[in-house]
Amino acid sequence: MRIVAAALNGLHRLRHLTSCSVSVGEGSRLYRWRLSLGAARNRVMIGSHSVVQCRISFDGLEGQVRIGDRTYIGASHIVCHTEVSIGSDVIISWGVTVVDHDSHSVSWTLRSADVERWRMGSKSWEHVAVRPVNIGDKVWIGFGASILKGVTIGEGAVVGACSVVTRDVPAYAVVAGNPARVIRKLCAEEQIRE
């Protein structure tokens, strides 16, 4: 009985948080049980006619995840401290990770207490690099790719499966590898614009 009560209490808390922290446009589907909103000031904003099946986690207190119209995000993971922006008409496959921070300092001295702080329910972001991620309209990201902090992916770009994107991707470019590099530019016929 205690397990059922705890589960119902958790659902009530999630409904309360998501009702004031999430906006979903007409015709969109979001699997809310995959949200880890953290602070009530974190926000998820989804446009119309999108399907969002990914896990969304917040590591900061005032993060924003914005997803455009007609966008599909499969069973992937968005980890946001401050800002992740995903455009319209985007396809993100399964197993993709999008993260706007480094998680830890590269200095052992500065990260040595991270686990103990987590155990106590806190985290210091003072020495951790954080920069927004911006994924433009009409982008396709293949399965297993990682999009790291500070990256902007230009309109219509394609990111190959299992690529690690560490720097900006030009519009209508195909990138692949670790680190991802431009392997070709899409021709005019492949760049159909509205």
C-alpha atoms as a PDB file:
ATOM      1  CA  MET A   1       0.000   0.000   0.000  1.00  0.00           C
ATOM      2  CA  ARG A   2       2.889   2.401   0.789  1.00  0.00           C
ATOM      3  CA  ILE A   3       4.341   1.821  -2.681  1.00  0.00           C
ATOM      4  CA  VAL A   4       1.030   2.713  -4.348  1.00  0.00           C
ATOM      5  CA  ALA A   5       0.672   5.832  -2.173  1.00  0.00           C
ATOM      6  CA  ALA A   6       4.232   6.927  -2.993  1.00  0.00           C
ATOM      7  CA  ALA A   7       3.636   6.392  -6.714  1.00  0.00           C
ATOM      8  CA  LEU A   8       0.389   8.390  -6.635  1.00  0.00           C
ATOM      9  CA  ASN A   9       2.098  11.159  -4.670  1.00  0.00           C
ATOM     10  CA  GLY A  10       4.896  11.230  -7.277  1.00  0.00           C
ATOM     11  CA  LEU A  11       2.361  11.450 -10.114  1.00  0.00           C
ATOM     12  CA  HIS A  12       0.529  14.290  -8.364  1.00  0.00           C
ATOM     13  CA  ARG A  13       3.844  16.173  -7.925  1.00  0.00           C
ATOM     14  CA  LEU A  14       4.766  15.617 -11.589  1.00  0.00           C
ATOM     15  CA  ARG A  15       1.357  16.839 -12.760  1.00  0.00           C
ATOM     16  CA  HIS A  16       1.711  19.946 -10.617  1.00  0.00           C
ATOM     17  CA  LEU A  17       5.204  20.711 -11.941  1.00  0.00           C
ATOM     18  CA  THR A  18       4.414  19.985 -15.563  1.00  0.00           C
ATOM     19  CA  SER A  19       1.204  21.979 -15.527  1.00  0.00           C
ATOM     20  CA  CYS A  20       3.098  25.174 -14.701  1.00  0.00           C
ATOM     21  CA  SER A  21       6.419  24.370 -16.445  1.00  0.00           C
ATOM     22  CA  VAL A  22       5.457  22.769 -19.755  1.00  0.00           C
ATOM     23  CA  SER A  23       3.555  24.162 -22.722  1.00  0.00           C
ATOM     24  CA  VAL A  24       2.557  21.839 -25.553  1.00  0.00           C
ATOM     25  CA  GLY A  25       1.148  23.081 -28.856  1.00  0.00           C
ATOM     26  CA  GLU A  26      -1.914  21.788 -30.655  1.00  0.00           C
ATOM     27  CA  GLY A  27      -1.629  18.223 -31.914  1.00  0.00           C
ATOM     28  CA  SER A  28       1.728  17.544 -30.211  1.00  0.00           C
ATOM     29  CA  ARG A  29       2.482  14.492 -28.106  1.00  0.00           C
ATOM     30  CA  LEU A  30       4.831  14.572 -25.108  1.00  0.00           C
ATOM     31  CA  TYR A  31       5.480  11.633 -22.844  1.00  0.00           C
ATOM     32  CA  ARG A  32       5.494  13.619 -19.570  1.00  0.00           C
ATOM     33  CA  TRP A  33       6.741  10.737 -17.441  1.00  0.00           C
ATOM     34  CA  ARG A  34      10.095  11.219 -19.195  1.00  0.00           C
ATOM     35  CA  LEU A  35      10.550  14.732 -17.768  1.00  0.00           C
ATOM     36  CA  SER A  36      12.872  15.541 -14.868  1.00  0.00           C
ATOM     37  CA  LEU A  37      11.979  19.178 -14.360  1.00  0.00           C
ATOM     38  CA  GLY A  38      13.811  19.820 -11.109  1.00  0.00           C
ATOM     39  CA  ALA A  39      13.129  23.447 -10.161  1.00  0.00           C
ATOM     40  CA  ALA A  40       9.725  24.922 -10.979  1.00  0.00           C
ATOM     41  CA  ARG A  41      11.404  27.692 -13.012  1.00  0.00           C
ATOM     42  CA  ASN A  42      12.671  25.235 -15.652  1.00  0.00           C
ATOM     43  CA  ARG A  43      10.567  25.322 -18.816  1.00  0.00           C
ATOM     44  CA  VAL A  44       9.744  23.046 -21.753  1.00  0.00           C
ATOM     45  CA  MET A  45       7.981  24.690 -24.712  1.00  0.00           C
ATOM     46  CA  ILE A  46       6.831  22.521 -27.630  1.00  0.00           C
ATOM     47  CA  GLY A  47       5.235  23.812 -30.826  1.00  0.00           C
ATOM     48  CA  SER A  48       2.373  22.198 -32.711  1.00  0.00           C
ATOM     49  CA  HIS A  49       2.154  18.746 -34.296  1.00  0.00           C
ATOM     50  CA  SER A  50       5.423  17.463 -32.767  1.00  0.00           C
ATOM     51  CA  VAL A  51       6.183  14.071 -31.209  1.00  0.00           C
ATOM     52  CA  VAL A  52       8.595  14.153 -28.261  1.00  0.00           C
ATOM     53  CA  GLN A  53       9.553  10.734 -26.910  1.00  0.00           C
ATOM     54  CA  CYS A  54      12.911  11.707 -25.426  1.00  0.00           C
ATOM     55  CA  ARG A  55      13.937  12.124 -21.819  1.00  0.00           C
ATOM     56  CA  ILE A  56      14.408  15.771 -20.812  1.00  0.00           C
ATOM     57  CA  SER A  57      16.492  16.492 -17.709  1.00  0.00           C
ATOM     58  CA  PHE A  58      17.329  19.836 -16.150  1.00  0.00           C
ATOM     59  CA  ASP A  59      20.533  20.434 -14.210  1.00  0.00           C
ATOM     60  CA  GLY A  60      20.022  24.159 -13.565  1.00  0.00           C
ATOM     61  CA  LEU A  61      17.329  26.238 -11.911  1.00  0.00           C
ATOM     62  CA  GLU A  62      16.094  28.306 -14.868  1.00  0.00           C
ATOM     63  CA  GLY A  63      16.698  26.198 -17.966  1.00  0.00           C
ATOM     64  CA  GLN A  64      14.664  26.351 -21.160  1.00  0.00           C
ATOM     65  CA  VAL A  65      14.105  23.645 -23.748  1.00  0.00           C
ATOM     66  CA  ARG A  66      12.304  24.926 -26.848  1.00  0.00           C
ATOM     67  CA  ILE A  67      11.098  22.551 -29.567  1.00  0.00           C
ATOM     68  CA  GLY A  68       9.471  23.802 -32.767  1.00  0.00           C
ATOM     69  CA  ASP A  69       6.579  22.604 -34.911  1.00  0.00           C
ATOM     70  CA  ARG A  70       6.368  19.228 -36.692  1.00  0.00           C
ATOM     71  CA  THR A  71       9.496  17.968 -34.928  1.00  0.00           C
ATOM     72  CA  TYR A  72      10.118  14.342 -33.987  1.00  0.00           C
ATOM     73  CA  ILE A  73      12.498  13.365 -31.182  1.00  0.00           C
ATOM     74  CA  GLY A  74      12.877   9.629 -30.580  1.00  0.00           C
ATOM     75  CA  ALA A  75      14.071   7.853 -27.430  1.00  0.00           C
ATOM     76  CA  SER A  76      16.978  10.191 -26.814  1.00  0.00           C
ATOM     77  CA  HIS A  77      18.123  12.456 -23.958  1.00  0.00           C
ATOM     78  CA  ILE A  78      18.229  16.247 -23.697  1.00  0.00           C
ATOM     79  CA  VAL A  79      20.221  17.502 -20.698  1.00  0.00           C
ATOM     80  CA  CYS A  80      19.749  21.220 -20.099  1.00  0.00           C
ATOM     81  CA  HIS A  81      21.333  23.598 -17.628  1.00  0.00           C
ATOM     82  CA  THR A  82      20.452  26.875 -19.367  1.00  0.00           C
ATOM     83  CA  GLU A  83      19.184  26.561 -22.958  1.00  0.00           C
ATOM     84  CA  VAL A  84      18.554  23.986 -25.673  1.00  0.00           C
ATOM     85  CA  SER A  85      16.652  25.166 -28.745  1.00  0.00           C
ATOM     86  CA  ILE A  86      15.423  22.782 -31.456  1.00  0.00           C
ATOM     87  CA  GLY A  87      13.756  24.166 -34.578  1.00  0.00           C
ATOM     88  CA  SER A  88      10.786  23.086 -36.670  1.00  0.00           C
ATOM     89  CA  ASP A  89      10.656  20.109 -39.059  1.00  0.00           C
ATOM     90  CA  VAL A  90      13.543  18.430 -37.227  1.00  0.00           C
ATOM     91  CA  ILE A  91      14.046  14.660 -36.951  1.00  0.00           C
ATOM     92  CA  ILE A  92      16.158  13.370 -34.077  1.00  0.00           C
ATOM     93  CA  SER A  93      16.558   9.606 -33.998  1.00  0.00           C
ATOM     94  CA  TRP A  94      16.923   7.352 -30.940  1.00  0.00           C
ATOM     95  CA  GLY A  95      19.962   7.273 -28.677  1.00  0.00           C
ATOM     96  CA  VAL A  96      20.932  10.911 -29.334  1.00  0.00           C
ATOM     97  CA  THR A  97      22.309  13.013 -26.473  1.00  0.00           C
ATOM     98  CA  VAL A  98      22.043  16.816 -26.519  1.00  0.00           C
ATOM     99  CA  VAL A  99      23.771  18.593 -23.616  1.00  0.00           C
ATOM    100  CA  ASP A 100      24.518  22.285 -23.018  1.00  0.00           C
ATOM    101  CA  HIS A 101      27.284  21.871 -20.435  1.00  0.00           C
ATOM    102  CA  ASP A 102      30.400  19.883 -19.510  1.00  0.00           C
ATOM    103  CA  SER A 103      28.869  18.395 -16.320  1.00  0.00           C
ATOM    104  CA  HIS A 104      32.150  18.706 -14.391  1.00  0.00           C
ATOM    105  CA  SER A 105      35.295  20.817 -14.287  1.00  0.00           C
ATOM    106  CA  VAL A 106      38.315  19.357 -16.087  1.00  0.00           C
ATOM    107  CA  SER A 107      40.335  20.120 -12.935  1.00  0.00           C
ATOM    108  CA  TRP A 108      40.342  17.255 -10.421  1.00  0.00           C
ATOM    109  CA  THR A 109      40.599  19.694  -7.524  1.00  0.00           C
ATOM    110  CA  LEU A 110      37.462  21.523  -8.659  1.00  0.00           C
ATOM    111  CA  ARG A 111      35.422  18.351  -9.279  1.00  0.00           C
ATOM    112  CA  SER A 112      36.720  16.284  -6.346  1.00  0.00           C
ATOM    113  CA  ALA A 113      33.635  16.994  -4.203  1.00  0.00           C
ATOM    114  CA  ASP A 114      31.035  16.530  -6.978  1.00  0.00           C
ATOM    115  CA  VAL A 115      29.852  13.082  -5.879  1.00  0.00           C
ATOM    116  CA  GLU A 116      29.591  14.097  -2.233  1.00  0.00           C
ATOM    117  CA  ARG A 117      27.616  17.213  -3.200  1.00  0.00           C
ATOM    118  CA  TRP A 118      25.273  15.118  -5.360  1.00  0.00           C
ATOM    119  CA  ARG A 119      24.762  12.742  -2.463  1.00  0.00           C
ATOM    120  CA  MET A 120      23.703  15.735  -0.373  1.00  0.00           C
ATOM    121  CA  GLY A 121      21.404  17.009  -3.139  1.00  0.00           C
ATOM    122  CA  SER A 122      23.473  19.915  -4.466  1.00  0.00           C
ATOM    123  CA  LYS A 123      25.951  20.752  -7.226  1.00  0.00           C
ATOM    124  CA  SER A 124      28.351  23.639  -7.790  1.00  0.00           C
ATOM    125  CA  TRP A 125      28.310  24.962 -11.369  1.00  0.00           C
ATOM    126  CA  GLU A 126      30.837  27.714 -10.699  1.00  0.00           C
ATOM    127  CA  HIS A 127      33.687  26.051 -12.640  1.00  0.00           C
ATOM    128  CA  VAL A 128      31.644  24.147 -15.236  1.00  0.00           C
ATOM    129  CA  ALA A 129      31.452  25.373 -18.844  1.00  0.00           C
ATOM    130  CA  VAL A 130      27.828  26.008 -19.932  1.00  0.00           C
ATOM    131  CA  ARG A 131      26.814  27.254 -23.422  1.00  0.00           C
ATOM    132  CA  PRO A 132      23.470  27.009 -25.274  1.00  0.00           C
ATOM    133  CA  VAL A 133      22.784  24.473 -28.026  1.00  0.00           C
ATOM    134  CA  ASN A 134      20.822  25.585 -31.095  1.00  0.00           C
ATOM    135  CA  ILE A 135      19.538  23.060 -33.648  1.00  0.00           C
ATOM    136  CA  GLY A 136      18.092  24.799 -36.710  1.00  0.00           C
ATOM    137  CA  ASP A 137      15.003  24.001 -38.771  1.00  0.00           C
ATOM    138  CA  LYS A 138      14.907  20.925 -41.065  1.00  0.00           C
ATOM    139  CA  VAL A 139      17.860  19.197 -39.363  1.00  0.00           C
ATOM    140  CA  TRP A 140      18.158  15.397 -39.269  1.00  0.00           C
ATOM    141  CA  ILE A 141      20.270  13.834 -36.515  1.00  0.00           C
ATOM    142  CA  GLY A 142      21.050  10.126 -36.862  1.00  0.00           C
ATOM    143  CA  PHE A 143      20.931   7.568 -34.048  1.00  0.00           C
ATOM    144  CA  GLY A 144      23.527   7.600 -31.297  1.00  0.00           C
ATOM    145  CA  ALA A 145      24.901  11.077 -32.068  1.00  0.00           C
ATOM    146  CA  SER A 146      26.088  13.448 -29.331  1.00  0.00           C
ATOM    147  CA  ILE A 147      25.540  17.208 -29.646  1.00  0.00           C
ATOM    148  CA  LEU A 148      27.725  19.035 -27.139  1.00  0.00           C
ATOM    149  CA  LYS A 149      27.643  22.453 -25.476  1.00  0.00           C
ATOM    150  CA  GLY A 150      27.790  25.626 -27.522  1.00  0.00           C
ATOM    151  CA  VAL A 151      27.016  23.955 -30.857  1.00  0.00           C
ATOM    152  CA  THR A 152      24.777  25.509 -33.497  1.00  0.00           C
ATOM    153  CA  ILE A 153      23.562  23.178 -36.249  1.00  0.00           C
ATOM    154  CA  GLY A 154      22.501  25.115 -39.338  1.00  0.00           C
ATOM    155  CA  GLU A 155      19.231  24.731 -41.222  1.00  0.00           C
ATOM    156  CA  GLY A 156      18.843  21.522 -43.203  1.00  0.00           C
ATOM    157  CA  ALA A 157      22.060  19.928 -41.934  1.00  0.00           C
ATOM    158  CA  VAL A 158      22.388  16.162 -41.489  1.00  0.00           C
ATOM    159  CA  VAL A 159      24.365  14.611 -38.628  1.00  0.00           C
ATOM    160  CA  GLY A 160      25.501  11.037 -39.267  1.00  0.00           C
ATOM    161  CA  ALA A 161      24.805   8.193 -36.855  1.00  0.00           C
ATOM    162  CA  CYS A 162      27.117   7.992 -33.806  1.00  0.00           C
ATOM    163  CA  SER A 163      28.778  11.330 -34.602  1.00  0.00           C
ATOM    164  CA  VAL A 164      30.123  13.573 -31.843  1.00  0.00           C
ATOM    165  CA  VAL A 165      29.399  17.205 -32.728  1.00  0.00           C
ATOM    166  CA  THR A 166      31.786  19.535 -30.908  1.00  0.00           C
ATOM    167  CA  ARG A 167      31.574  22.628 -33.149  1.00  0.00           C
ATOM    168  CA  ASP A 168      29.099  24.444 -35.353  1.00  0.00           C
ATOM    169  CA  VAL A 169      27.663  22.719 -38.433  1.00  0.00           C
ATOM    170  CA  PRO A 170      26.987  24.841 -41.543  1.00  0.00           C
ATOM    171  CA  ALA A 171      23.516  24.902 -43.091  1.00  0.00           C
ATOM    172  CA  TYR A 172      22.839  22.072 -45.551  1.00  0.00           C
ATOM    173  CA  ALA A 173      26.046  20.225 -44.677  1.00  0.00           C
ATOM    174  CA  VAL A 174      26.390  16.519 -43.885  1.00  0.00           C
ATOM    175  CA  VAL A 175      28.718  15.814 -40.959  1.00  0.00           C
ATOM    176  CA  ALA A 176      29.946  12.530 -39.527  1.00  0.00           C
ATOM    177  CA  GLY A 177      32.622  11.117 -37.261  1.00  0.00           C
ATOM    178  CA  ASN A 178      34.243  11.776 -33.910  1.00  0.00           C
ATOM    179  CA  PRO A 179      34.735  14.658 -33.874  1.00  0.00           C
ATOM    180  CA  ALA A 180      32.161  15.331 -36.594  1.00  0.00           C
ATOM    181  CA  ARG A 181      33.525  16.870 -39.789  1.00  0.00           C
ATOM    182  CA  VAL A 182      31.804  18.077 -42.951  1.00  0.00           C
ATOM    183  CA  ILE A 183      31.813  15.222 -45.455  1.00  0.00           C
ATOM    184  CA  ARG A 184      29.727  16.970 -48.107  1.00  0.00           C
ATOM    185  CA  LYS A 185      27.394  19.851 -48.855  1.00  0.00           C
ATOM    186  CA  LEU A 186      23.869  19.091 -49.995  1.00  0.00           C
ATOM    187  CA  CYS A 187      23.153  20.037 -53.596  1.00  0.00           C
ATOM    188  CA  ALA A 188      20.384  22.462 -54.595  1.00  0.00           C
ATOM    189  CA  GLU A 189      17.863  19.654 -55.281  1.00  0.00           C
ATOM    190  CA  GLU A 190      18.444  18.337 -51.757  1.00  0.00           C
ATOM    191  CA  GLN A 191      17.829  21.798 -50.265  1.00  0.00           C
ATOM    192  CA  ILE A 192      14.168  22.160 -51.208  1.00  0.00           C
ATOM    193  CA  ARG A 193      12.901  25.293 -49.506  1.00  0.00           C
ATOM    194  CA  GLU A 194       9.346  26.420 -48.950  1.00  0.00           C
END
